[in-house]
């Protein structure tokens, strides 16, 4: 709000949540403001109100052909067999202890990299490590107006 002077400052303070910046971050206010601004900007682009060269003005015509990646079913079968073999050949006790250490580090303040490396060395899969982290941190839930409008 450059040039808005006293009125602009008063509006900013009036709109800002009580408790300061930390409360605004923890309450999701700042993230919501960013998401709302991005949503409004995309709406302006989509409606043609905002011009983006090559996107909604002066584009070269048609959309480029998108090559869809197709997984060879035989390759997929071999990869599934490899993951099953890794799971069958690992120590259940070491694997569980390594994933528990990842979750414990995520709940605390220590560096996550060493326990993640130990989990990989204990033959944990990426999905299993991600599940351990999701169990602590949860998953991001989009709170933008655009997300609310999606079916």
Protein backbone atom coordinates (compact mmCIF):
# COMPACT_ATOMS: atom_id res chain seq x y z
CA UNK A 1 0.00 0.00 0.00
CA UNK A 2 2.67 2.53 -0.89
CA UNK A 3 1.36 6.05 -0.71
CA UNK A 4 -1.70 5.07 1.33
CA UNK A 5 -0.35 6.93 4.36
CA UNK A 6 -2.20 6.83 7.65
CA UNK A 7 -5.30 5.25 6.09
CA UNK A 8 -3.23 2.38 4.68
CA UNK A 9 -1.46 1.75 7.97
CA UNK A 10 -4.73 1.78 9.89
CA UNK A 11 -6.29 -0.68 7.43
CA UNK A 12 -3.28 -2.97 7.66
CA UNK A 13 -3.39 -2.96 11.45
CA UNK A 14 -7.15 -3.44 11.49
CA UNK A 15 -6.96 -6.44 9.16
CA UNK A 16 -3.98 -8.06 10.91
CA UNK A 17 -4.93 -10.65 13.53
CA UNK A 18 -4.34 -9.94 17.19
CA UNK A 19 -1.30 -11.56 18.71
CA UNK A 20 1.30 -10.52 16.17
CA UNK A 21 3.17 -12.33 13.45
CA UNK A 22 3.69 -15.60 15.30
CA UNK A 23 -0.03 -15.91 16.03
CA UNK A 24 -0.77 -15.08 12.38
CA UNK A 25 1.59 -17.83 11.18
CA UNK A 26 0.32 -20.41 13.67
CA UNK A 27 -3.28 -19.53 12.93
CA UNK A 28 -2.74 -19.90 9.19
CA UNK A 29 -3.55 -16.24 8.47
CA UNK A 30 -0.39 -15.54 6.46
CA UNK A 31 -0.64 -18.77 4.46
CA UNK A 32 -4.29 -18.00 3.74
CA UNK A 33 -3.40 -14.50 2.52
CA UNK A 34 -0.75 -15.93 0.18
CA UNK A 35 -3.15 -18.56 -1.15
CA UNK A 36 -5.94 -16.01 -1.64
CA UNK A 37 -3.62 -13.66 -3.52
CA UNK A 38 -2.41 -16.49 -5.77
CA UNK A 39 -6.00 -17.52 -6.42
CA UNK A 40 -7.03 -13.96 -7.34
CA UNK A 41 -3.98 -13.62 -9.61
CA UNK A 42 -4.83 -16.87 -11.40
CA UNK A 43 -8.45 -15.76 -11.81
CA UNK A 44 -7.23 -12.50 -13.39
CA UNK A 45 -5.03 -14.45 -15.80
CA UNK A 46 -7.84 -16.87 -16.66
CA UNK A 47 -10.32 -14.06 -17.30
CA UNK A 48 -7.84 -12.09 -19.42
CA UNK A 49 -7.79 -9.18 -16.97
CA UNK A 50 -4.08 -9.83 -16.38
CA UNK A 51 -1.96 -10.48 -19.45
CA UNK A 52 0.75 -13.12 -19.44
CA UNK A 53 2.56 -13.29 -22.77
CA UNK A 54 2.58 -16.81 -24.12
CA UNK A 55 -0.16 -17.94 -21.74
CA UNK A 56 -3.27 -15.91 -22.40
CA UNK A 57 -1.94 -13.50 -25.05
CA UNK A 58 0.40 -13.94 -27.99
CA UNK A 59 0.53 -17.71 -27.59
CA UNK A 60 1.76 -19.70 -30.57
CA UNK A 61 -1.58 -21.36 -31.19
CA UNK A 62 -2.20 -24.88 -30.05
CA UNK A 63 -1.18 -26.64 -26.94
CA UNK A 64 2.01 -28.67 -27.30
CA UNK A 65 1.51 -32.38 -27.68
CA UNK A 66 1.98 -34.04 -24.33
CA UNK A 67 3.68 -37.37 -24.45
CA UNK A 68 2.15 -39.65 -21.83
CA UNK A 69 4.61 -41.89 -20.03
CA UNK A 70 3.48 -45.48 -20.09
CA UNK A 71 4.98 -48.06 -17.78
CA UNK A 72 5.82 -51.36 -19.37
CA UNK A 73 3.67 -53.93 -17.48
CA UNK A 74 6.55 -56.41 -17.47
CA UNK A 75 8.88 -53.81 -15.94
CA UNK A 76 6.23 -52.96 -13.33
CA UNK A 77 5.90 -56.63 -12.40
CA UNK A 78 9.69 -56.98 -12.03
CA UNK A 79 9.85 -53.87 -9.81
CA UNK A 80 7.04 -55.16 -7.57
CA UNK A 81 8.94 -58.44 -7.22
CA UNK A 82 12.12 -56.55 -6.29
CA UNK A 83 10.31 -54.58 -3.55
CA UNK A 84 8.79 -57.80 -2.21
CA UNK A 85 12.25 -59.40 -2.14
CA UNK A 86 13.71 -56.44 -0.25
CA UNK A 87 10.90 -56.61 2.31
CA UNK A 88 11.29 -60.38 2.71
CA UNK A 89 15.06 -60.14 3.15
CA UNK A 90 15.24 -57.38 5.75
CA UNK A 91 15.35 -57.68 9.51
CA UNK A 92 11.87 -56.84 10.80
CA UNK A 93 13.31 -55.71 14.16
CA UNK A 94 15.92 -53.37 12.62
CA UNK A 95 13.40 -52.02 10.09
CA UNK A 96 10.79 -51.25 12.77
CA UNK A 97 13.41 -49.68 15.09
CA UNK A 98 14.67 -47.48 12.24
CA UNK A 99 11.17 -46.26 11.35
CA UNK A 100 10.42 -45.63 15.04
CA UNK A 101 13.62 -43.54 15.22
CA UNK A 102 12.46 -41.49 12.21
CA UNK A 103 9.12 -40.81 13.93
CA UNK A 104 10.84 -39.96 17.24
CA UNK A 105 13.18 -37.51 15.51
CA UNK A 106 10.22 -35.94 13.71
CA UNK A 107 8.42 -35.44 17.04
CA UNK A 108 11.53 -33.83 18.55
CA UNK A 109 13.98 -31.22 17.40
CA UNK A 110 16.85 -33.39 16.22
CA UNK A 111 18.11 -33.70 12.66
CA UNK A 112 15.93 -36.03 10.59
CA UNK A 113 18.63 -36.98 8.08
CA UNK A 114 20.60 -39.51 10.19
CA UNK A 115 17.52 -41.56 11.18
CA UNK A 116 16.24 -41.46 7.59
CA UNK A 117 19.60 -42.75 6.35
CA UNK A 118 19.48 -45.48 9.00
CA UNK A 119 15.97 -46.41 7.85
CA UNK A 120 17.18 -46.68 4.25
CA UNK A 121 20.08 -48.83 5.42
CA UNK A 122 17.54 -51.00 7.28
CA UNK A 123 15.83 -51.42 3.87
CA UNK A 124 12.77 -49.24 4.55
CA UNK A 125 11.08 -48.04 1.39
CA UNK A 126 10.48 -44.38 0.58
CA UNK A 127 6.76 -44.91 1.12
CA UNK A 128 7.34 -46.43 4.56
CA UNK A 129 9.58 -43.53 5.59
CA UNK A 130 7.03 -41.03 4.26
CA UNK A 131 4.27 -42.82 6.19
CA UNK A 132 6.31 -42.50 9.40
CA UNK A 133 6.69 -38.75 8.78
CA UNK A 134 3.02 -38.36 7.85
CA UNK A 135 2.13 -40.06 11.12
CA UNK A 136 3.83 -37.19 12.96
CA UNK A 137 3.29 -34.17 10.70
CA UNK A 138 0.06 -35.13 8.95
CA UNK A 139 -0.70 -33.99 5.42
CA UNK A 140 -1.16 -30.50 4.03
CA UNK A 141 -4.80 -29.61 3.49
CA UNK A 142 -5.34 -26.89 0.91
CA UNK A 143 -7.59 -24.18 2.38
CA UNK A 144 -7.77 -21.88 -0.64
CA UNK A 145 -11.10 -20.84 -2.10
CA UNK A 146 -10.12 -22.75 -5.24
CA UNK A 147 -9.75 -25.96 -3.23
CA UNK A 148 -13.14 -25.45 -1.62
CA UNK A 149 -14.69 -25.04 -5.08
CA UNK A 150 -13.25 -28.32 -6.37
CA UNK A 151 -15.63 -31.30 -6.50
